PDB file of N, CA and C in Angstrom:
ATOM      1  N   MET A   1       1.917  -2.941  16.151  1.00  0.00           N
ATOM      2  CA  MET A   1       2.417  -3.635  14.974  1.00  0.00           C
ATOM      3  C   MET A   1       3.113  -4.914  15.430  1.00  0.00           C
ATOM      4  N   GLY A   2       2.738  -6.045  14.832  1.00  0.00           N
ATOM      5  CA  GLY A   2       3.317  -7.321  15.214  1.00  0.00           C
ATOM      6  C   GLY A   2       4.754  -7.452  14.758  1.00  0.00           C
ATOM      7  N   VAL A   3       5.441  -8.479  15.257  1.00  0.00           N
ATOM      8  CA  VAL A   3       6.854  -8.700  14.928  1.00  0.00           C
ATOM      9  C   VAL A   3       7.038  -8.941  13.436  1.00  0.00           C
ATOM     10  N   VAL A   4       6.200  -9.806  12.837  1.00  0.00           N
ATOM     11  CA  VAL A   4       6.332 -10.094  11.403  1.00  0.00           C
ATOM     12  C   VAL A   4       6.072  -8.844  10.587  1.00  0.00           C
ATOM     13  N   LYS A   5       5.013  -8.107  10.936  1.00  0.00           N
ATOM     14  CA  LYS A   5       4.685  -6.875  10.225  1.00  0.00           C
ATOM     15  C   LYS A   5       5.800  -5.853  10.405  1.00  0.00           C
ATOM     16  N   ASN A   6       6.360  -5.794  11.596  1.00  0.00           N
ATOM     17  CA  ASN A   6       7.463  -4.882  11.880  1.00  0.00           C
ATOM     18  C   ASN A   6       8.677  -5.228  11.015  1.00  0.00           C
ATOM     19  N   ASP A   7       8.996  -6.525  10.914  1.00  0.00           N
ATOM     20  CA  ASP A   7      10.113  -6.966  10.078  1.00  0.00           C
ATOM     21  C   ASP A   7       9.864  -6.625   8.619  1.00  0.00           C
ATOM     22  N   THR A   8       8.650  -6.872   8.145  1.00  0.00           N
ATOM     23  CA  THR A   8       8.292  -6.560   6.758  1.00  0.00           C
ATOM     24  C   THR A   8       8.427  -5.068   6.514  1.00  0.00           C
ATOM     25  N   PHE A   9       7.977  -4.267   7.469  1.00  0.00           N
ATOM     26  CA  PHE A   9       8.071  -2.808   7.362  1.00  0.00           C
ATOM     27  C   PHE A   9       9.534  -2.397   7.165  1.00  0.00           C
ATOM     28  N   GLU A  10      10.412  -2.932   7.997  1.00  0.00           N
ATOM     29  CA  GLU A  10      11.832  -2.588   7.923  1.00  0.00           C
ATOM     30  C   GLU A  10      12.457  -3.054   6.610  1.00  0.00           C
ATOM     31  N   ILE A  11      12.086  -4.242   6.138  1.00  0.00           N
ATOM     32  CA  ILE A  11      12.625  -4.761   4.877  1.00  0.00           C
ATOM     33  C   ILE A  11      12.210  -3.873   3.714  1.00  0.00           C
ATOM     34  N   LEU A  12      10.931  -3.490   3.669  1.00  0.00           N
ATOM     35  CA  LEU A  12      10.445  -2.647   2.579  1.00  0.00           C
ATOM     36  C   LEU A  12      11.128  -1.282   2.593  1.00  0.00           C
ATOM     37  N   GLN A  13      11.359  -0.743   3.759  1.00  0.00           N
ATOM     38  CA  GLN A  13      12.054   0.546   3.835  1.00  0.00           C
ATOM     39  C   GLN A  13      13.513   0.386   3.418  1.00  0.00           C
ATOM     40  N   HIS A  14      14.107  -0.721   3.769  1.00  0.00           N
ATOM     41  CA  HIS A  14      15.488  -0.989   3.358  1.00  0.00           C
ATOM     42  C   HIS A  14      15.587  -1.097   1.831  1.00  0.00           C
ATOM     43  N   LEU A  15      14.527  -1.568   1.209  1.00  0.00           N
ATOM     44  CA  LEU A  15      14.493  -1.689  -0.253  1.00  0.00           C
ATOM     45  C   LEU A  15      14.213  -0.355  -0.950  1.00  0.00           C
ATOM     46  N   GLY A  16      13.979   0.691  -0.166  1.00  0.00           N
ATOM     47  CA  GLY A  16      13.846   2.021  -0.746  1.00  0.00           C
ATOM     48  C   GLY A  16      12.470   2.653  -0.674  1.00  0.00           C
ATOM     49  N   LEU A  17      11.485   1.975  -0.097  1.00  0.00           N
ATOM     50  CA  LEU A  17      10.170   2.577   0.035  1.00  0.00           C
ATOM     51  C   LEU A  17      10.175   3.581   1.179  1.00  0.00           C
ATOM     52  N   THR A  18       9.392   4.630   1.010  1.00  0.00           N
ATOM     53  CA  THR A  18       9.243   5.600   2.091  1.00  0.00           C
ATOM     54  C   THR A  18       8.332   5.001   3.160  1.00  0.00           C
ATOM     55  N   CYS A  19       8.287   5.630   4.286  1.00  0.00           N
ATOM     56  CA  CYS A  19       7.419   5.182   5.384  1.00  0.00           C
ATOM     57  C   CYS A  19       5.962   5.161   4.917  1.00  0.00           C
ATOM     58  N   THR A  20       5.549   6.197   4.219  1.00  0.00           N
ATOM     59  CA  THR A  20       4.170   6.292   3.737  1.00  0.00           C
ATOM     60  C   THR A  20       3.871   5.207   2.713  1.00  0.00           C
ATOM     61  N   GLN A  21       4.767   4.992   1.758  1.00  0.00           N
ATOM     62  CA  GLN A  21       4.570   3.938   0.761  1.00  0.00           C
ATOM     63  C   GLN A  21       4.460   2.574   1.434  1.00  0.00           C
ATOM     64  N   THR A  22       5.282   2.336   2.418  1.00  0.00           N
ATOM     65  CA  THR A  22       5.286   1.066   3.126  1.00  0.00           C
ATOM     66  C   THR A  22       3.969   0.849   3.859  1.00  0.00           C
ATOM     67  N   LYS A  23       3.466   1.862   4.544  1.00  0.00           N
ATOM     68  CA  LYS A  23       2.204   1.747   5.261  1.00  0.00           C
ATOM     69  C   LYS A  23       1.045   1.457   4.307  1.00  0.00           C
ATOM     70  N   ILE A  24       1.046   2.116   3.155  1.00  0.00           N
ATOM     71  CA  ILE A  24      -0.010   1.890   2.162  1.00  0.00           C
ATOM     72  C   ILE A  24       0.068   0.461   1.632  1.00  0.00           C
ATOM     73  N   TYR A  25       1.255   0.010   1.301  1.00  0.00           N
ATOM     74  CA  TYR A  25       1.433  -1.346   0.777  1.00  0.00           C
ATOM     75  C   TYR A  25       0.988  -2.389   1.803  1.00  0.00           C
ATOM     76  N   LEU A  26       1.400  -2.226   3.044  1.00  0.00           N
ATOM     77  CA  LEU A  26       1.015  -3.175   4.094  1.00  0.00           C
ATOM     78  C   LEU A  26      -0.497  -3.157   4.345  1.00  0.00           C
ATOM     79  N   ALA A  27      -1.116  -1.983   4.250  1.00  0.00           N
ATOM     80  CA  ALA A  27      -2.569  -1.887   4.403  1.00  0.00           C
ATOM     81  C   ALA A  27      -3.269  -2.685   3.311  1.00  0.00           C
ATOM     82  N   LEU A  28      -2.756  -2.589   2.085  1.00  0.00           N
ATOM     83  CA  LEU A  28      -3.354  -3.334   0.981  1.00  0.00           C
ATOM     84  C   LEU A  28      -3.139  -4.833   1.126  1.00  0.00           C
ATOM     85  N   LEU A  29      -2.031  -5.239   1.693  1.00  0.00           N
ATOM     86  CA  LEU A  29      -1.815  -6.664   1.938  1.00  0.00           C
ATOM     87  C   LEU A  29      -2.852  -7.210   2.917  1.00  0.00           C
ATOM     88  N   GLU A  30      -3.290  -6.380   3.847  1.00  0.00           N
ATOM     89  CA  GLU A  30      -4.267  -6.795   4.855  1.00  0.00           C
ATOM     90  C   GLU A  30      -5.659  -7.001   4.277  1.00  0.00           C
ATOM     91  N   VAL A  31      -6.053  -6.181   3.296  1.00  0.00           N
ATOM     92  CA  VAL A  31      -7.442  -6.183   2.825  1.00  0.00           C
ATOM     93  C   VAL A  31      -7.645  -6.730   1.424  1.00  0.00           C
ATOM     94  N   ASP A  32      -6.623  -7.190   0.776  1.00  0.00           N
ATOM     95  CA  ASP A  32      -6.684  -7.723  -0.586  1.00  0.00           C
ATOM     96  C   ASP A  32      -6.875  -6.601  -1.595  1.00  0.00           C
ATOM     97  N   GLU A  33      -8.077  -6.095  -1.783  1.00  0.00           N
ATOM     98  CA  GLU A  33      -8.269  -4.955  -2.684  1.00  0.00           C
ATOM     99  C   GLU A  33      -9.172  -3.946  -2.009  1.00  0.00           C
ATOM    100  N   SER A  34      -8.920  -2.667  -2.319  1.00  0.00           N
ATOM    101  CA  SER A  34      -9.614  -1.639  -1.562  1.00  0.00           C
ATOM    102  C   SER A  34      -9.573  -0.291  -2.278  1.00  0.00           C
ATOM    103  N   PRO A  35     -10.609   0.550  -2.086  1.00  0.00           N
ATOM    104  CA  PRO A  35     -10.550   1.923  -2.577  1.00  0.00           C
ATOM    105  C   PRO A  35      -9.656   2.771  -1.667  1.00  0.00           C
ATOM    106  N   VAL A  36      -9.285   3.929  -2.144  1.00  0.00           N
ATOM    107  CA  VAL A  36      -8.387   4.811  -1.396  1.00  0.00           C
ATOM    108  C   VAL A  36      -8.953   5.172  -0.022  1.00  0.00           C
ATOM    109  N   LYS A  37     -10.249   5.365   0.077  1.00  0.00           N
ATOM    110  CA  LYS A  37     -10.868   5.723   1.361  1.00  0.00           C
ATOM    111  C   LYS A  37     -10.534   4.677   2.432  1.00  0.00           C
ATOM    112  N   THR A  38     -10.660   3.402   2.088  1.00  0.00           N
ATOM    113  CA  THR A  38     -10.374   2.330   3.038  1.00  0.00           C
ATOM    114  C   THR A  38      -8.884   2.224   3.320  1.00  0.00           C
ATOM    115  N   ILE A  39      -8.063   2.381   2.290  1.00  0.00           N
ATOM    116  CA  ILE A  39      -6.606   2.356   2.475  1.00  0.00           C
ATOM    117  C   ILE A  39      -6.207   3.436   3.480  1.00  0.00           C
ATOM    118  N   SER A  40      -6.803   4.611   3.345  1.00  0.00           N
ATOM    119  CA  SER A  40      -6.525   5.728   4.244  1.00  0.00           C
ATOM    120  C   SER A  40      -6.875   5.371   5.686  1.00  0.00           C
ATOM    121  N   LYS A  41      -8.033   4.769   5.891  1.00  0.00           N
ATOM    122  CA  LYS A  41      -8.461   4.399   7.247  1.00  0.00           C
ATOM    123  C   LYS A  41      -7.537   3.357   7.858  1.00  0.00           C
ATOM    124  N   ILE A  42      -7.196   2.328   7.089  1.00  0.00           N
ATOM    125  CA  ILE A  42      -6.380   1.237   7.617  1.00  0.00           C
ATOM    126  C   ILE A  42      -4.957   1.699   7.907  1.00  0.00           C
ATOM    127  N   SER A  43      -4.390   2.496   6.999  1.00  0.00           N
ATOM    128  CA  SER A  43      -2.992   2.918   7.143  1.00  0.00           C
ATOM    129  C   SER A  43      -2.814   4.106   8.080  1.00  0.00           C
ATOM    130  N   GLY A  44      -3.905   4.841   8.318  1.00  0.00           N
ATOM    131  CA  GLY A  44      -3.806   6.034   9.153  1.00  0.00           C
ATOM    132  C   GLY A  44      -3.183   7.213   8.416  1.00  0.00           C
ATOM    133  N   ILE A  45      -3.188   7.139   7.089  1.00  0.00           N
ATOM    134  CA  ILE A  45      -2.598   8.196   6.259  1.00  0.00           C
ATOM    135  C   ILE A  45      -3.728   8.991   5.610  1.00  0.00           C
ATOM    136  N   ASP A  46      -3.583  10.296   5.595  1.00  0.00           N
ATOM    137  CA  ASP A  46      -4.572  11.176   4.993  1.00  0.00           C
ATOM    138  C   ASP A  46      -4.874  10.742   3.557  1.00  0.00           C
ATOM    139  N   ARG A  47      -6.152  10.784   3.178  1.00  0.00           N
ATOM    140  CA  ARG A  47      -6.585  10.326   1.861  1.00  0.00           C
ATOM    141  C   ARG A  47      -5.840  11.026   0.719  1.00  0.00           C
ATOM    142  N   ALA A  48      -5.624  12.329   0.827  1.00  0.00           N
ATOM    143  CA  ALA A  48      -4.909  13.066  -0.218  1.00  0.00           C
ATOM    144  C   ALA A  48      -3.478  12.540  -0.378  1.00  0.00           C
ATOM    145  N   GLU A  49      -2.842  12.205   0.732  1.00  0.00           N
ATOM    146  CA  GLU A  49      -1.479  11.668   0.692  1.00  0.00           C
ATOM    147  C   GLU A  49      -1.475  10.273   0.061  1.00  0.00           C
ATOM    148  N   VAL A  50      -2.494   9.468   0.343  1.00  0.00           N
ATOM    149  CA  VAL A  50      -2.590   8.143  -0.281  1.00  0.00           C
ATOM    150  C   VAL A  50      -2.678   8.310  -1.795  1.00  0.00           C
ATOM    151  N   TYR A  51      -3.520   9.226  -2.263  1.00  0.00           N
ATOM    152  CA  TYR A  51      -3.622   9.475  -3.702  1.00  0.00           C
ATOM    153  C   TYR A  51      -2.273   9.858  -4.297  1.00  0.00           C
ATOM    154  N   ARG A  52      -1.510  10.688  -3.583  1.00  0.00           N
ATOM    155  CA  ARG A  52      -0.196  11.118  -4.093  1.00  0.00           C
ATOM    156  C   ARG A  52       0.785   9.951  -4.196  1.00  0.00           C
ATOM    157  N   LYS A  53       0.740   9.025  -3.256  1.00  0.00           N
ATOM    158  CA  LYS A  53       1.719   7.925  -3.222  1.00  0.00           C
ATOM    159  C   LYS A  53       1.326   6.722  -4.079  1.00  0.00           C
ATOM    160  N   ILE A  54       0.050   6.585  -4.413  1.00  0.00           N
ATOM    161  CA  ILE A  54      -0.424   5.442  -5.188  1.00  0.00           C
ATOM    162  C   ILE A  54       0.315   5.330  -6.523  1.00  0.00           C
ATOM    163  N   SER A  55       0.516   6.449  -7.205  1.00  0.00           N
ATOM    164  CA  SER A  55       1.156   6.394  -8.529  1.00  0.00           C
ATOM    165  C   SER A  55       2.575   5.843  -8.451  1.00  0.00           C
ATOM    166  N   SER A  56       3.311   6.176  -7.400  1.00  0.00           N
ATOM    167  CA  SER A  56       4.676   5.663  -7.280  1.00  0.00           C
ATOM    168  C   SER A  56       4.673   4.161  -7.024  1.00  0.00           C
ATOM    169  N   LEU A  57       3.708   3.675  -6.252  1.00  0.00           N
ATOM    170  CA  LEU A  57       3.602   2.240  -5.992  1.00  0.00           C
ATOM    171  C   LEU A  57       3.174   1.485  -7.250  1.00  0.00           C
ATOM    172  N   LEU A  58       2.324   2.121  -8.073  1.00  0.00           N
ATOM    173  CA  LEU A  58       1.940   1.522  -9.354  1.00  0.00           C
ATOM    174  C   LEU A  58       3.155   1.406 -10.275  1.00  0.00           C
ATOM    175  N   LYS A  59       3.965   2.466 -10.344  1.00  0.00           N
ATOM    176  CA  LYS A  59       5.169   2.463 -11.192  1.00  0.00           C
ATOM    177  C   LYS A  59       6.176   1.407 -10.749  1.00  0.00           C
ATOM    178  N   LEU A  60       6.255   1.184  -9.454  1.00  0.00           N
ATOM    179  CA  LEU A  60       7.172   0.172  -8.923  1.00  0.00           C
ATOM    180  C   LEU A  60       6.639  -1.254  -9.113  1.00  0.00           C
ATOM    181  N   GLY A  61       5.387  -1.363  -9.521  1.00  0.00           N
ATOM    182  CA  GLY A  61       4.785  -2.668  -9.729  1.00  0.00           C
ATOM    183  C   GLY A  61       4.374  -3.367  -8.438  1.00  0.00           C
ATOM    184  N   LEU A  62       4.271  -2.607  -7.354  1.00  0.00           N
ATOM    185  CA  LEU A  62       3.902  -3.194  -6.064  1.00  0.00           C
ATOM    186  C   LEU A  62       2.400  -3.284  -5.857  1.00  0.00           C
ATOM    187  N   ILE A  63       1.654  -2.491  -6.624  1.00  0.00           N
ATOM    188  CA  ILE A  63       0.200  -2.562  -6.534  1.00  0.00           C
ATOM    189  C   ILE A  63      -0.391  -2.555  -7.943  1.00  0.00           C
ATOM    190  N   GLU A  64      -1.635  -3.008  -8.028  1.00  0.00           N
ATOM    191  CA  GLU A  64      -2.373  -3.007  -9.283  1.00  0.00           C
ATOM    192  C   GLU A  64      -3.620  -2.148  -9.115  1.00  0.00           C
ATOM    193  N   LYS A  65      -4.035  -1.525 -10.217  1.00  0.00           N
ATOM    194  CA  LYS A  65      -5.258  -0.725 -10.232  1.00  0.00           C
ATOM    195  C   LYS A  65      -6.380  -1.609 -10.776  1.00  0.00           C
ATOM    196  N   ILE A  66      -7.500  -1.644 -10.080  1.00  0.00           N
ATOM    197  CA  ILE A  66      -8.659  -2.418 -10.499  1.00  0.00           C
ATOM    198  C   ILE A  66      -9.750  -1.426 -10.889  1.00  0.00           C
ATOM    199  N   LEU A  67     -10.043  -1.380 -12.189  1.00  0.00           N
ATOM    200  CA  LEU A  67     -11.020  -0.416 -12.684  1.00  0.00           C
ATOM    201  C   LEU A  67     -12.425  -0.799 -12.251  1.00  0.00           C
ATOM    202  N   GLY A  68     -13.174   0.193 -11.885  1.00  0.00           N
ATOM    203  CA  GLY A  68     -14.544   0.020 -11.429  1.00  0.00           C
ATOM    204  C   GLY A  68     -14.968   1.292 -10.732  1.00  0.00           C
ATOM    205  N   VAL A  69     -16.123   1.254 -10.122  1.00  0.00           N
ATOM    206  CA  VAL A  69     -16.594   2.402  -9.361  1.00  0.00           C
ATOM    207  C   VAL A  69     -16.863   1.930  -7.943  1.00  0.00           C
ATOM    208  N   PRO A  70     -16.077   2.320  -6.977  1.00  0.00           N
ATOM    209  CA  PRO A  70     -14.880   3.155  -7.093  1.00  0.00           C
ATOM    210  C   PRO A  70     -13.678   2.340  -7.594  1.00  0.00           C
ATOM    211  N   ILE A  71     -12.660   3.060  -8.043  1.00  0.00           N
ATOM    212  CA  ILE A  71     -11.415   2.400  -8.430  1.00  0.00           C
ATOM    213  C   ILE A  71     -10.801   1.791  -7.176  1.00  0.00           C
ATOM    214  N   LYS A  72     -10.319   0.568  -7.293  1.00  0.00           N
ATOM    215  CA  LYS A  72      -9.690  -0.098  -6.167  1.00  0.00           C
ATOM    216  C   LYS A  72      -8.240  -0.410  -6.506  1.00  0.00           C
ATOM    217  N   PHE A  73      -7.484  -0.716  -5.478  1.00  0.00           N
ATOM    218  CA  PHE A  73      -6.090  -1.071  -5.643  1.00  0.00           C
ATOM    219  C   PHE A  73      -5.822  -2.377  -4.900  1.00  0.00           C
ATOM    220  N   LYS A  74      -4.856  -3.115  -5.397  1.00  0.00           N
ATOM    221  CA  LYS A  74      -4.527  -4.406  -4.814  1.00  0.00           C
ATOM    222  C   LYS A  74      -3.003  -4.530  -4.738  1.00  0.00           C
ATOM    223  N   ALA A  75      -2.507  -5.054  -3.638  1.00  0.00           N
ATOM    224  CA  ALA A  75      -1.067  -5.262  -3.478  1.00  0.00           C
ATOM    225  C   ALA A  75      -0.633  -6.464  -4.293  1.00  0.00           C
ATOM    226  N   VAL A  76       0.510  -6.337  -4.940  1.00  0.00           N
ATOM    227  CA  VAL A  76       1.123  -7.454  -5.642  1.00  0.00           C
ATOM    228  C   VAL A  76       2.113  -8.070  -4.661  1.00  0.00           C
ATOM    229  N   PRO A  77       1.986  -9.365  -4.373  1.00  0.00           N
ATOM    230  CA  PRO A  77       2.920  -9.979  -3.423  1.00  0.00           C
ATOM    231  C   PRO A  77       4.369  -9.776  -3.886  1.00  0.00           C
ATOM    232  N   VAL A  78       5.256  -9.528  -2.938  1.00  0.00           N
ATOM    233  CA  VAL A  78       6.646  -9.234  -3.242  1.00  0.00           C
ATOM    234  C   VAL A  78       7.293 -10.364  -4.035  1.00  0.00           C
ATOM    235  N   GLU A  79       6.865 -11.620  -3.809  1.00  0.00           N
ATOM    236  CA  GLU A  79       7.440 -12.756  -4.530  1.00  0.00           C
ATOM    237  C   GLU A  79       7.222 -12.621  -6.027  1.00  0.00           C
ATOM    238  N   ASP A  80       6.103 -11.978  -6.438  1.00  0.00           N
ATOM    239  CA  ASP A  80       5.780 -11.814  -7.850  1.00  0.00           C
ATOM    240  C   ASP A  80       6.683 -10.756  -8.456  1.00  0.00           C
TER     241      ASP A  80
END
């Protein structure tokens, strides 16, 4: 993990995100938009766990759901 990514990780956790939520959010920042399968591969988090955490990130407004087949998710930049 690079220095900037490491700093971002620490800031997001300081703001109250769990380690898993932070990894998912950072994975989405890397790929723009992605289905859960890809998020799981990039973040190294089990697919079932990604599904469990996605709803909390949606409620926090940190990610958006993109309807389609498959459903994809996109990170909302923190500035927004």
